[in-house]
Amino acid sequence: MPTLNPAQNLFALIGRALIALLFIPGGFTKITGFAGVVGYIASKGVPLPEVCAAIAIAAELGLGLLMLVGWQTRWAALGLAIFTAVITPIFHNFWAMPAAQQMMQQQAFFKNFAVVGGLLVIAAFGAGAFSLDGRRR
């Protein structure tokens, strides 16, 4: 990994924190509203909705926290990228939505894949120096 200057390390920290902010609150919300999340997952025809809800909590909260502190960041980013890429076509299938919902769901679909792109950049280049991973080096 190339050595980053202080500004690049700061940007890496801010970027990680902003992406983590997308996942961590969602994980907490899924814990407090577990039954509703299970019902929503089931409404999409996903098998084993309780297991899938638990996986979503582990991914969003667990991997999100790892991203925030920058520990095992590349793996956490890759896990979140895979998780997001898998769930996006299930929950934002704009092509099957009523016309009134298509634009909103299409925006969410492509926003999620932009997030996947950012996560893949983090997986490729790491957390930067302002992280637990950076301190270990």
C-alpha atoms as a PDB file:
ATOM      1  CA  MET A   1       0.000   0.000   0.000  1.00  0.00           C
ATOM      2  CA  PRO A   2       1.399   3.417  -0.886  1.00  0.00           C
ATOM      3  CA  THR A   3       2.123   5.879   1.899  1.00  0.00           C
ATOM      4  CA  LEU A   4      -0.631   8.459   2.182  1.00  0.00           C
ATOM      5  CA  ASN A   5      -0.136  12.083   3.182  1.00  0.00           C
ATOM      6  CA  PRO A   6      -2.012  13.489   6.225  1.00  0.00           C
ATOM      7  CA  ALA A   7      -4.844  14.917   4.108  1.00  0.00           C
ATOM      8  CA  GLN A   8      -5.398  11.578   2.364  1.00  0.00           C
ATOM      9  CA  ASN A   9      -5.465   9.800   5.718  1.00  0.00           C
ATOM     10  CA  LEU A  10      -7.994  12.329   7.016  1.00  0.00           C
ATOM     11  CA  PHE A  11     -10.162  11.859   3.915  1.00  0.00           C
ATOM     12  CA  ALA A  12      -9.958   8.076   4.347  1.00  0.00           C
ATOM     13  CA  LEU A  13     -11.146   8.440   7.958  1.00  0.00           C
ATOM     14  CA  ILE A  14     -13.997  10.781   7.024  1.00  0.00           C
ATOM     15  CA  GLY A  15     -15.022   8.542   4.122  1.00  0.00           C
ATOM     16  CA  ARG A  16     -15.038   5.448   6.329  1.00  0.00           C
ATOM     17  CA  ALA A  17     -17.066   7.253   8.992  1.00  0.00           C
ATOM     18  CA  LEU A  18     -19.643   8.491   6.477  1.00  0.00           C
ATOM     19  CA  ILE A  19     -20.094   5.054   4.940  1.00  0.00           C
ATOM     20  CA  ALA A  20     -20.312   3.489   8.418  1.00  0.00           C
ATOM     21  CA  LEU A  21     -23.000   6.075   9.249  1.00  0.00           C
ATOM     22  CA  LEU A  22     -25.098   4.558   6.487  1.00  0.00           C
ATOM     23  CA  PHE A  23     -24.979   1.083   8.066  1.00  0.00           C
ATOM     24  CA  ILE A  24     -24.636   1.366  11.869  1.00  0.00           C
ATOM     25  CA  PRO A  25     -27.939   3.166  12.636  1.00  0.00           C
ATOM     26  CA  GLY A  26     -29.761   0.741  10.334  1.00  0.00           C
ATOM     27  CA  GLY A  27     -28.348  -2.191  12.290  1.00  0.00           C
ATOM     28  CA  PHE A  28     -29.537  -0.723  15.601  1.00  0.00           C
ATOM     29  CA  THR A  29     -32.972  -0.005  14.133  1.00  0.00           C
ATOM     30  CA  LYS A  30     -33.264  -3.586  12.933  1.00  0.00           C
ATOM     31  CA  ILE A  31     -32.585  -4.828  16.474  1.00  0.00           C
ATOM     32  CA  THR A  32     -35.254  -2.631  18.043  1.00  0.00           C
ATOM     33  CA  GLY A  33     -37.776  -3.367  15.293  1.00  0.00           C
ATOM     34  CA  PHE A  34     -36.839  -6.986  14.652  1.00  0.00           C
ATOM     35  CA  ALA A  35     -40.385  -8.279  14.113  1.00  0.00           C
ATOM     36  CA  GLY A  36     -41.140  -5.555  11.578  1.00  0.00           C
ATOM     37  CA  VAL A  37     -37.900  -6.215   9.722  1.00  0.00           C
ATOM     38  CA  VAL A  38     -38.676  -9.931   9.587  1.00  0.00           C
ATOM     39  CA  GLY A  39     -42.133  -9.147   8.213  1.00  0.00           C
ATOM     40  CA  TYR A  40     -40.717  -6.835   5.561  1.00  0.00           C
ATOM     41  CA  ILE A  41     -38.110  -9.393   4.499  1.00  0.00           C
ATOM     42  CA  ALA A  42     -40.812 -12.071   4.326  1.00  0.00           C
ATOM     43  CA  SER A  43     -42.996  -9.764   2.202  1.00  0.00           C
ATOM     44  CA  LYS A  44     -40.246  -9.756  -0.420  1.00  0.00           C
ATOM     45  CA  GLY A  45     -40.382 -13.555  -0.644  1.00  0.00           C
ATOM     46  CA  VAL A  46     -36.967 -14.086   0.955  1.00  0.00           C
ATOM     47  CA  PRO A  47     -36.702 -17.484   2.669  1.00  0.00           C
ATOM     48  CA  LEU A  48     -35.776 -17.737   6.370  1.00  0.00           C
ATOM     49  CA  PRO A  49     -36.573 -14.084   7.115  1.00  0.00           C
ATOM     50  CA  GLU A  50     -35.488 -14.347  10.785  1.00  0.00           C
ATOM     51  CA  VAL A  51     -32.072 -15.645   9.758  1.00  0.00           C
ATOM     52  CA  CYS A  52     -31.786 -12.994   7.053  1.00  0.00           C
ATOM     53  CA  ALA A  53     -32.702 -10.259   9.544  1.00  0.00           C
ATOM     54  CA  ALA A  54     -29.989 -11.510  11.908  1.00  0.00           C
ATOM     55  CA  ILE A  55     -27.486 -11.525   9.026  1.00  0.00           C
ATOM     56  CA  ALA A  56     -28.510  -7.966   8.140  1.00  0.00           C
ATOM     57  CA  ILE A  57     -27.938  -6.853  11.740  1.00  0.00           C
ATOM     58  CA  ALA A  58     -24.549  -8.560  11.877  1.00  0.00           C
ATOM     59  CA  ALA A  59     -23.516  -7.027   8.558  1.00  0.00           C
ATOM     60  CA  GLU A  60     -24.787  -3.511   9.158  1.00  0.00           C
ATOM     61  CA  LEU A  61     -23.895  -3.179  12.817  1.00  0.00           C
ATOM     62  CA  GLY A  62     -20.892  -5.494  13.072  1.00  0.00           C
ATOM     63  CA  LEU A  63     -19.148  -4.706   9.811  1.00  0.00           C
ATOM     64  CA  GLY A  64     -20.207  -1.066  10.043  1.00  0.00           C
ATOM     65  CA  LEU A  65     -18.487  -0.720  13.424  1.00  0.00           C
ATOM     66  CA  LEU A  66     -15.368  -2.432  12.059  1.00  0.00           C
ATOM     67  CA  MET A  67     -15.339   0.103   9.217  1.00  0.00           C
ATOM     68  CA  LEU A  68     -15.759   2.994  11.633  1.00  0.00           C
ATOM     69  CA  VAL A  69     -12.791   2.057  13.813  1.00  0.00           C
ATOM     70  CA  GLY A  70     -10.780   0.759  10.892  1.00  0.00           C
ATOM     71  CA  TRP A  71     -10.119  -2.797  12.075  1.00  0.00           C
ATOM     72  CA  GLN A  72     -10.006  -5.536   9.429  1.00  0.00           C
ATOM     73  CA  THR A  73     -11.267  -2.737   7.216  1.00  0.00           C
ATOM     74  CA  ARG A  74     -10.651  -4.361   3.855  1.00  0.00           C
ATOM     75  CA  TRP A  75     -12.623  -7.461   4.867  1.00  0.00           C
ATOM     76  CA  ALA A  76     -15.374  -5.408   6.471  1.00  0.00           C
ATOM     77  CA  ALA A  77     -15.698  -3.267   3.344  1.00  0.00           C
ATOM     78  CA  LEU A  78     -15.767  -6.331   1.116  1.00  0.00           C
ATOM     79  CA  GLY A  79     -18.419  -7.958   3.321  1.00  0.00           C
ATOM     80  CA  LEU A  80     -20.582  -4.838   3.235  1.00  0.00           C
ATOM     81  CA  ALA A  81     -20.114  -4.556  -0.528  1.00  0.00           C
ATOM     82  CA  ILE A  82     -21.301  -8.132  -1.043  1.00  0.00           C
ATOM     83  CA  PHE A  83     -24.185  -7.683   1.403  1.00  0.00           C
ATOM     84  CA  THR A  84     -25.317  -4.472  -0.308  1.00  0.00           C
ATOM     85  CA  ALA A  85     -24.970  -5.915  -3.821  1.00  0.00           C
ATOM     86  CA  VAL A  86     -27.076  -8.947  -2.862  1.00  0.00           C
ATOM     87  CA  ILE A  87     -29.904  -7.110  -1.098  1.00  0.00           C
ATOM     88  CA  THR A  88     -30.241  -4.178  -3.500  1.00  0.00           C
ATOM     89  CA  PRO A  89     -32.038  -5.988  -6.366  1.00  0.00           C
ATOM     90  CA  ILE A  90     -34.347  -7.664  -3.828  1.00  0.00           C
ATOM     91  CA  PHE A  91     -35.432  -4.533  -1.969  1.00  0.00           C
ATOM     92  CA  HIS A  92     -35.108  -1.887  -4.693  1.00  0.00           C
ATOM     93  CA  ASN A  93     -36.436  -3.778  -7.725  1.00  0.00           C
ATOM     94  CA  PHE A  94     -37.648  -0.637  -9.453  1.00  0.00           C
ATOM     95  CA  TRP A  95     -38.482  -2.526 -12.662  1.00  0.00           C
ATOM     96  CA  ALA A  96     -41.290  -4.373 -10.845  1.00  0.00           C
ATOM     97  CA  MET A  97     -42.692  -1.396  -8.910  1.00  0.00           C
ATOM     98  CA  PRO A  98     -45.774   0.666  -9.701  1.00  0.00           C
ATOM     99  CA  ALA A  99     -44.985   3.713 -11.807  1.00  0.00           C
ATOM    100  CA  ALA A 100     -45.369   6.062  -8.829  1.00  0.00           C
ATOM    101  CA  GLN A 101     -42.547   4.269  -6.969  1.00  0.00           C
ATOM    102  CA  GLN A 102     -40.172   3.540  -9.835  1.00  0.00           C
ATOM    103  CA  MET A 103     -38.112   6.733  -9.741  1.00  0.00           C
ATOM    104  CA  MET A 104     -37.523   6.599  -5.986  1.00  0.00           C
ATOM    105  CA  GLN A 105     -36.622   2.904  -6.073  1.00  0.00           C
ATOM    106  CA  GLN A 106     -34.358   3.392  -9.102  1.00  0.00           C
ATOM    107  CA  GLN A 107     -32.488   6.156  -7.282  1.00  0.00           C
ATOM    108  CA  ALA A 108     -32.078   3.928  -4.217  1.00  0.00           C
ATOM    109  CA  PHE A 109     -30.911   1.056  -6.452  1.00  0.00           C
ATOM    110  CA  PHE A 110     -28.169   3.085  -8.130  1.00  0.00           C
ATOM    111  CA  LYS A 111     -27.220   4.871  -4.885  1.00  0.00           C
ATOM    112  CA  ASN A 112     -26.645   1.492  -3.283  1.00  0.00           C
ATOM    113  CA  PHE A 113     -24.415   0.383  -6.141  1.00  0.00           C
ATOM    114  CA  ALA A 114     -22.466   3.647  -5.840  1.00  0.00           C
ATOM    115  CA  VAL A 115     -21.956   2.738  -2.165  1.00  0.00           C
ATOM    116  CA  VAL A 116     -20.742  -0.697  -3.301  1.00  0.00           C
ATOM    117  CA  GLY A 117     -18.210   1.130  -5.474  1.00  0.00           C
ATOM    118  CA  GLY A 118     -16.959   3.148  -2.510  1.00  0.00           C
ATOM    119  CA  LEU A 119     -16.731   0.023  -0.377  1.00  0.00           C
ATOM    120  CA  LEU A 120     -14.699  -1.716  -3.075  1.00  0.00           C
ATOM    121  CA  VAL A 121     -12.277   1.229  -3.127  1.00  0.00           C
ATOM    122  CA  ILE A 122     -11.848   0.857   0.635  1.00  0.00           C
ATOM    123  CA  ALA A 123     -11.382  -2.901   0.188  1.00  0.00           C
ATOM    124  CA  ALA A 124      -8.708  -2.218  -2.414  1.00  0.00           C
ATOM    125  CA  PHE A 125      -6.765   0.537  -0.641  1.00  0.00           C
ATOM    126  CA  GLY A 126      -7.472   0.020   3.059  1.00  0.00           C
ATOM    127  CA  ALA A 127      -8.386   2.286   5.939  1.00  0.00           C
ATOM    128  CA  GLY A 128      -5.485   4.728   5.983  1.00  0.00           C
ATOM    129  CA  ALA A 129      -3.245   5.606   8.922  1.00  0.00           C
ATOM    130  CA  PHE A 130      -6.040   6.929  11.151  1.00  0.00           C
ATOM    131  CA  SER A 131      -7.385   3.466  11.899  1.00  0.00           C
ATOM    132  CA  LEU A 132      -6.642   0.409  14.011  1.00  0.00           C
ATOM    133  CA  ASP A 133      -5.309  -1.258  10.870  1.00  0.00           C
ATOM    134  CA  GLY A 134      -2.982   1.728  10.314  1.00  0.00           C
ATOM    135  CA  ARG A 135      -1.701   1.584  13.879  1.00  0.00           C
ATOM    136  CA  ARG A 136      -0.760  -2.101  13.495  1.00  0.00           C
ATOM    137  CA  ARG A 137       1.606  -1.328  10.619  1.00  0.00           C
END
